[in-house]
C-alpha atoms as a PDB file:
ATOM      1  CA  MET A   1      -7.680  17.073 -11.488  1.00  0.00           C
ATOM      2  CA  ASN A   2      -6.252  13.754 -10.391  1.00  0.00           C
ATOM      3  CA  ILE A   3      -7.702  12.815  -7.014  1.00  0.00           C
ATOM      4  CA  GLY A   4      -6.396   9.994  -4.823  1.00  0.00           C
ATOM      5  CA  ILE A   5      -8.751   8.419  -2.291  1.00  0.00           C
ATOM      6  CA  ASP A   6      -7.922   6.016   0.530  1.00  0.00           C
ATOM      7  CA  ILE A   7     -10.423   3.317   1.550  1.00  0.00           C
ATOM      8  CA  ASP A   8     -10.094   2.521   5.265  1.00  0.00           C
ATOM      9  CA  GLY A   9     -10.984   5.547   7.384  1.00  0.00           C
ATOM     10  CA  VAL A  10     -12.035   7.574   4.328  1.00  0.00           C
ATOM     11  CA  LEU A  11     -14.517   5.499   2.334  1.00  0.00           C
ATOM     12  CA  THR A  12     -15.289   3.446   5.447  1.00  0.00           C
ATOM     13  CA  ASN A  13     -15.567   4.517   9.064  1.00  0.00           C
ATOM     14  CA  ILE A  14     -12.951   2.090  10.347  1.00  0.00           C
ATOM     15  CA  GLU A  15     -12.630   4.018  13.613  1.00  0.00           C
ATOM     16  CA  SER A  16     -16.258   3.401  14.580  1.00  0.00           C
ATOM     17  CA  TRP A  17     -16.207  -0.181  13.296  1.00  0.00           C
ATOM     18  CA  GLN A  18     -13.032  -1.059  15.243  1.00  0.00           C
ATOM     19  CA  ASN A  19     -14.411   0.406  18.451  1.00  0.00           C
ATOM     20  CA  GLU A  20     -17.732  -1.430  18.126  1.00  0.00           C
ATOM     21  CA  SER A  21     -16.571  -4.727  16.680  1.00  0.00           C
ATOM     22  CA  ALA A  22     -13.418  -5.170  18.745  1.00  0.00           C
ATOM     23  CA  ALA A  23     -14.996  -4.250  22.107  1.00  0.00           C
ATOM     24  CA  LYS A  24     -16.784  -7.595  22.616  1.00  0.00           C
ATOM     25  CA  TYR A  25     -13.877  -9.653  21.276  1.00  0.00           C
ATOM     26  CA  MET A  26     -11.211  -7.903  23.363  1.00  0.00           C
ATOM     27  CA  TYR A  27     -13.324  -8.148  26.510  1.00  0.00           C
ATOM     28  CA  GLU A  28     -14.248 -11.804  26.082  1.00  0.00           C
ATOM     29  CA  LYS A  29     -10.813 -13.014  24.919  1.00  0.00           C
ATOM     30  CA  TYR A  30      -8.451 -10.796  26.913  1.00  0.00           C
ATOM     31  CA  ASN A  31     -10.618  -8.971  29.500  1.00  0.00           C
ATOM     32  CA  LYS A  32      -9.561  -5.676  27.866  1.00  0.00           C
ATOM     33  CA  GLY A  33     -11.454  -2.438  27.419  1.00  0.00           C
ATOM     34  CA  ILE A  34     -10.544   0.799  25.682  1.00  0.00           C
ATOM     35  CA  ILE A  35      -7.443   2.372  27.204  1.00  0.00           C
ATOM     36  CA  ASN A  36      -6.642   4.823  24.405  1.00  0.00           C
ATOM     37  CA  ALA A  37      -9.679   5.997  22.433  1.00  0.00           C
ATOM     38  CA  SER A  38      -7.345   8.070  20.221  1.00  0.00           C
ATOM     39  CA  GLY A  39      -5.250   5.084  19.095  1.00  0.00           C
ATOM     40  CA  TYR A  40      -4.923   4.160  15.435  1.00  0.00           C
ATOM     41  CA  ASP A  41      -4.394   0.405  15.679  1.00  0.00           C
ATOM     42  CA  THR A  42      -6.606  -1.843  17.770  1.00  0.00           C
ATOM     43  CA  SER A  43      -3.483  -2.790  19.748  1.00  0.00           C
ATOM     44  CA  GLU A  44      -3.139   0.865  20.819  1.00  0.00           C
ATOM     45  CA  ILE A  45      -6.862   1.275  21.550  1.00  0.00           C
ATOM     46  CA  TYR A  46      -7.156  -1.843  23.740  1.00  0.00           C
ATOM     47  CA  GLY A  47      -3.580  -2.260  24.956  1.00  0.00           C
ATOM     48  CA  VAL A  48      -3.193  -5.726  23.452  1.00  0.00           C
ATOM     49  CA  THR A  49      -0.134  -7.172  21.747  1.00  0.00           C
ATOM     50  CA  LYS A  50       0.330  -6.965  17.986  1.00  0.00           C
ATOM     51  CA  GLU A  51      -0.256 -10.729  17.871  1.00  0.00           C
ATOM     52  CA  GLN A  52      -3.596 -10.393  19.697  1.00  0.00           C
ATOM     53  CA  ASP A  53      -4.535  -7.511  17.384  1.00  0.00           C
ATOM     54  CA  GLN A  54      -3.684  -9.644  14.336  1.00  0.00           C
ATOM     55  CA  LYS A  55      -5.728 -12.566  15.683  1.00  0.00           C
ATOM     56  CA  TRP A  56      -8.777 -10.314  16.041  1.00  0.00           C
ATOM     57  CA  TRP A  57      -8.342  -8.935  12.507  1.00  0.00           C
ATOM     58  CA  PHE A  58      -7.818 -12.436  11.159  1.00  0.00           C
ATOM     59  CA  GLU A  59     -11.143 -13.516  12.659  1.00  0.00           C
ATOM     60  CA  SER A  60     -13.008 -10.268  11.823  1.00  0.00           C
ATOM     61  CA  TYR A  61     -11.680  -9.283   8.419  1.00  0.00           C
ATOM     62  CA  GLU A  62     -14.472 -10.766   6.337  1.00  0.00           C
ATOM     63  CA  GLU A  63     -17.041  -9.015   8.546  1.00  0.00           C
ATOM     64  CA  TYR A  64     -15.245  -5.700   7.973  1.00  0.00           C
ATOM     65  CA  MET A  65     -15.370  -6.198   4.211  1.00  0.00           C
ATOM     66  CA  LYS A  66     -19.173  -5.950   4.472  1.00  0.00           C
ATOM     67  CA  GLU A  67     -19.131  -2.527   6.156  1.00  0.00           C
ATOM     68  CA  PRO A  68     -20.962   0.042   4.007  1.00  0.00           C
ATOM     69  CA  ALA A  69     -19.293   3.129   2.612  1.00  0.00           C
ATOM     70  CA  ARG A  70     -19.634   6.383   4.521  1.00  0.00           C
ATOM     71  CA  LYS A  71     -22.783   8.387   3.868  1.00  0.00           C
ATOM     72  CA  TYR A  72     -22.587  10.396   0.617  1.00  0.00           C
ATOM     73  CA  ALA A  73     -19.140   9.017  -0.314  1.00  0.00           C
ATOM     74  CA  SER A  74     -20.381   7.614  -3.622  1.00  0.00           C
ATOM     75  CA  GLU A  75     -22.536  10.667  -4.357  1.00  0.00           C
ATOM     76  CA  VAL A  76     -19.629  13.089  -3.898  1.00  0.00           C
ATOM     77  CA  ILE A  77     -17.064  10.912  -5.679  1.00  0.00           C
ATOM     78  CA  ASN A  78     -19.421  10.425  -8.604  1.00  0.00           C
ATOM     79  CA  LYS A  79     -20.007  14.211  -8.798  1.00  0.00           C
ATOM     80  CA  LEU A  80     -16.241  14.778  -8.846  1.00  0.00           C
ATOM     81  CA  SER A  81     -15.905  12.181 -11.598  1.00  0.00           C
ATOM     82  CA  GLU A  82     -18.755  13.685 -13.664  1.00  0.00           C
ATOM     83  CA  GLU A  83     -17.013  17.061 -13.402  1.00  0.00           C
ATOM     84  CA  GLY A  84     -14.044  15.603 -15.278  1.00  0.00           C
ATOM     85  CA  ASN A  85     -11.749  14.642 -12.399  1.00  0.00           C
ATOM     86  CA  LYS A  86      -9.906  11.334 -12.467  1.00  0.00           C
ATOM     87  CA  ILE A  87     -10.439   9.208  -9.366  1.00  0.00           C
ATOM     88  CA  TYR A  88      -7.693   6.897  -8.118  1.00  0.00           C
ATOM     89  CA  ILE A  89      -8.405   4.550  -5.227  1.00  0.00           C
ATOM     90  CA  ILE A  90      -5.178   3.931  -3.307  1.00  0.00           C
ATOM     91  CA  THR A  91      -5.211   1.402  -0.491  1.00  0.00           C
ATOM     92  CA  ALA A  92      -2.669  -0.489   1.578  1.00  0.00           C
ATOM     93  CA  ARG A  93      -5.294  -3.064   2.531  1.00  0.00           C
ATOM     94  CA  CYS A  94      -3.916  -5.960   0.458  1.00  0.00           C
ATOM     95  CA  ILE A  95      -0.409  -5.399   1.752  1.00  0.00           C
ATOM     96  CA  GLU A  96      -1.334  -6.415   5.301  1.00  0.00           C
ATOM     97  CA  LYS A  97      -1.003 -10.197   4.982  1.00  0.00           C
ATOM     98  CA  GLU A  98      -1.053 -10.878   8.708  1.00  0.00           C
ATOM     99  CA  PHE A  99      -4.702  -9.805   8.968  1.00  0.00           C
ATOM    100  CA  THR A 100      -6.378 -12.304   6.661  1.00  0.00           C
ATOM    101  CA  LYS A 101      -6.093 -15.740   5.119  1.00  0.00           C
ATOM    102  CA  MET A 102      -7.309 -14.377   1.769  1.00  0.00           C
ATOM    103  CA  THR A 103      -4.992 -14.419  -1.222  1.00  0.00           C
ATOM    104  CA  ASP A 104      -4.128 -11.141  -2.968  1.00  0.00           C
ATOM    105  CA  GLU A 105      -6.438 -12.016  -5.829  1.00  0.00           C
ATOM    106  CA  ILE A 106      -9.433 -12.839  -3.604  1.00  0.00           C
ATOM    107  CA  MET A 107      -8.843  -9.745  -1.508  1.00  0.00           C
ATOM    108  CA  GLN A 108      -8.464  -7.402  -4.481  1.00  0.00           C
ATOM    109  CA  ASP A 109     -11.553  -8.875  -6.147  1.00  0.00           C
ATOM    110  CA  GLY A 110     -13.439  -8.407  -2.867  1.00  0.00           C
ATOM    111  CA  ILE A 111     -12.444  -4.746  -2.675  1.00  0.00           C
ATOM    112  CA  LYS A 112     -13.455  -4.124  -6.298  1.00  0.00           C
ATOM    113  CA  LYS A 113     -16.782  -5.859  -5.644  1.00  0.00           C
ATOM    114  CA  TRP A 114     -17.288  -3.717  -2.512  1.00  0.00           C
ATOM    115  CA  LEU A 115     -16.608  -0.527  -4.503  1.00  0.00           C
ATOM    116  CA  LYS A 116     -19.138  -1.614  -7.134  1.00  0.00           C
ATOM    117  CA  GLU A 117     -21.767  -2.564  -4.532  1.00  0.00           C
ATOM    118  CA  ASN A 118     -21.310   0.845  -2.884  1.00  0.00           C
ATOM    119  CA  ASN A 119     -21.597   2.602  -6.274  1.00  0.00           C
ATOM    120  CA  ILE A 120     -18.152   4.176  -6.051  1.00  0.00           C
ATOM    121  CA  LYS A 121     -16.860   4.924  -9.523  1.00  0.00           C
ATOM    122  CA  TYR A 122     -13.135   5.271 -10.118  1.00  0.00           C
ATOM    123  CA  ASN A 123     -10.661   5.323 -12.978  1.00  0.00           C
ATOM    124  CA  GLU A 124      -8.022   3.058 -11.447  1.00  0.00           C
ATOM    125  CA  ILE A 125      -7.254   1.266  -8.194  1.00  0.00           C
ATOM    126  CA  TYR A 126      -3.795   0.787  -6.708  1.00  0.00           C
ATOM    127  CA  PHE A 127      -2.783  -1.590  -3.941  1.00  0.00           C
ATOM    128  CA  SER A 128       0.064   0.358  -2.418  1.00  0.00           C
ATOM    129  CA  PRO A 129       2.480  -0.009   0.483  1.00  0.00           C
ATOM    130  CA  GLU A 130       1.634   1.852   3.689  1.00  0.00           C
ATOM    131  CA  ASP A 131       3.667   4.888   2.528  1.00  0.00           C
ATOM    132  CA  LYS A 132       1.637   6.148  -0.409  1.00  0.00           C
ATOM    133  CA  THR A 133       3.917   9.060  -1.364  1.00  0.00           C
ATOM    134  CA  THR A 134       5.626   7.230  -4.230  1.00  0.00           C
ATOM    135  CA  ILE A 135       2.355   6.198  -5.880  1.00  0.00           C
ATOM    136  CA  CYS A 136       0.973   9.744  -5.440  1.00  0.00           C
ATOM    137  CA  LYS A 137       4.006  11.129  -7.301  1.00  0.00           C
ATOM    138  CA  LYS A 138       3.800   8.455 -10.005  1.00  0.00           C
ATOM    139  CA  LEU A 139       0.130   9.233 -10.668  1.00  0.00           C
ATOM    140  CA  LYS A 140       0.790  13.004 -10.615  1.00  0.00           C
ATOM    141  CA  LEU A 141      -2.065  13.496  -8.181  1.00  0.00           C
ATOM    142  CA  ASP A 142      -3.297  16.986  -7.424  1.00  0.00           C
ATOM    143  CA  MET A 143      -4.661  15.913  -4.042  1.00  0.00           C
ATOM    144  CA  MET A 144      -5.106  12.920  -1.763  1.00  0.00           C
ATOM    145  CA  ILE A 145      -7.969  12.190   0.647  1.00  0.00           C
ATOM    146  CA  GLU A 146      -6.424  10.328   3.588  1.00  0.00           C
ATOM    147  CA  ASP A 147      -6.870   9.665   7.304  1.00  0.00           C
ATOM    148  CA  LYS A 148      -3.609   8.046   8.430  1.00  0.00           C
ATOM    149  CA  LYS A 149      -1.373  10.532  10.218  1.00  0.00           C
ATOM    150  CA  ALA A 150       1.960   9.311   8.769  1.00  0.00           C
ATOM    151  CA  ASN A 151       0.584   9.411   5.210  1.00  0.00           C
ATOM    152  CA  ILE A 152      -0.943  12.871   5.674  1.00  0.00           C
ATOM    153  CA  GLU A 153       2.338  14.253   6.968  1.00  0.00           C
ATOM    154  CA  GLU A 154       4.432  12.748   4.149  1.00  0.00           C
ATOM    155  CA  ILE A 155       2.077  13.365   1.230  1.00  0.00           C
ATOM    156  CA  SER A 156       1.404  16.968   2.311  1.00  0.00           C
ATOM    157  CA  LYS A 157       5.074  17.739   1.595  1.00  0.00           C
ATOM    158  CA  ILE A 158       4.318  17.375  -2.130  1.00  0.00           C
ATOM    159  CA  MET A 159       0.583  18.090  -2.576  1.00  0.00           C
ATOM    160  CA  ALA A 160      -2.716  18.963  -0.905  1.00  0.00           C
ATOM    161  CA  VAL A 161      -4.111  16.353   1.469  1.00  0.00           C
ATOM    162  CA  TYR A 162      -7.704  16.384   2.629  1.00  0.00           C
ATOM    163  CA  CYS A 163      -7.433  14.940   6.143  1.00  0.00           C
ATOM    164  CA  PHE A 164     -10.553  12.937   6.984  1.00  0.00           C
ATOM    165  CA  ASP A 165     -11.069  13.778  10.647  1.00  0.00           C
ATOM    166  CA  ALA A 166     -10.576  10.989  13.202  1.00  0.00           C
ATOM    167  CA  LYS A 167      -9.551  10.774  16.858  1.00  0.00           C
ATOM    168  CA  TYR A 168      -6.189   9.341  15.808  1.00  0.00           C
ATOM    169  CA  ASN A 169      -5.273  12.342  13.599  1.00  0.00           C
ATOM    170  CA  LYS A 170      -6.558  15.214  15.797  1.00  0.00           C
ATOM    171  CA  ASP A 171      -3.043  16.500  16.506  1.00  0.00           C
ATOM    172  CA  ILE A 172      -2.298  17.175  12.825  1.00  0.00           C
ATOM    173  CA  LYS A 173      -2.260  20.919  12.279  1.00  0.00           C
ATOM    174  CA  GLU A 174      -3.853  22.388   9.173  1.00  0.00           C
ATOM    175  CA  ASN A 175      -1.674  24.354   6.782  1.00  0.00           C
ATOM    176  CA  LYS A 176      -1.750  25.257   3.086  1.00  0.00           C
ATOM    177  CA  ASN A 177      -1.435  21.562   2.134  1.00  0.00           C
ATOM    178  CA  ILE A 178      -3.442  19.930   4.958  1.00  0.00           C
ATOM    179  CA  ILE A 179      -7.172  20.599   4.884  1.00  0.00           C
ATOM    180  CA  ARG A 180      -9.219  18.934   7.642  1.00  0.00           C
ATOM    181  CA  CYS A 181     -12.616  17.598   6.558  1.00  0.00           C
ATOM    182  CA  TYR A 182     -15.430  16.083   8.589  1.00  0.00           C
ATOM    183  CA  ASN A 183     -17.654  14.360   6.020  1.00  0.00           C
ATOM    184  CA  TRP A 184     -17.940  13.867   2.274  1.00  0.00           C
ATOM    185  CA  TYR A 185     -19.858  17.056   1.535  1.00  0.00           C
ATOM    186  CA  ASP A 186     -17.312  19.011   3.567  1.00  0.00           C
ATOM    187  CA  ILE A 187     -14.626  17.514   1.315  1.00  0.00           C
ATOM    188  CA  TYR A 188     -16.602  18.448  -1.790  1.00  0.00           C
ATOM    189  CA  LYS A 189     -17.137  22.053  -0.629  1.00  0.00           C
ATOM    190  CA  LYS A 190     -13.462  22.502   0.263  1.00  0.00           C
ATOM    191  CA  ILE A 191     -12.263  21.015  -3.040  1.00  0.00           C
ATOM    192  CA  LYS A 192     -14.576  23.400  -4.947  1.00  0.00           C
ATOM    193  CA  GLU A 193     -13.429  26.405  -2.896  1.00  0.00           C
ATOM    194  CA  ARG A 194      -9.765  25.542  -3.439  1.00  0.00           C
ATOM    195  CA  GLY A 195     -10.314  25.211  -7.171  1.00  0.00           C
END
């Protein structure tokens, strides 16, 4: 099988990191606390402007790049790879220019280095726009592991999507193409059961 895997929110726990890392910054800079714990963007979570959100990311991005992978992510992905599946990492991270001063090349090299340091093996990596549907079709994926609501909804129209559970995607209803998962071994079990 061809398996697509997102990075932020799937390989990393961006939800937890945003809540912890942004709390001090948003309080000290803007006297803001969490107003929407189910928000996706920091601007939604803290009720700040997009510009304030971008400023925080700009100052915090390099710290985020050091966040470790989720527990058992590499173990499960490597099992899937050893079983003959092709692993495609698909991320929109390098598309978001307003969040970092890094060049594409530095950013992409940093992501590849992070994947290596976290022992995550993959066949290919793609730096994709926010809407990943086109790249999923091009790669003829059998499934995608994703956390972003808009991507889950669009991609599930053409293939199975394993929805990595987060507060910001709780309202997505499971169906034959949307399978909610809570951790990496839950993903592995559900992939094996689905065949």
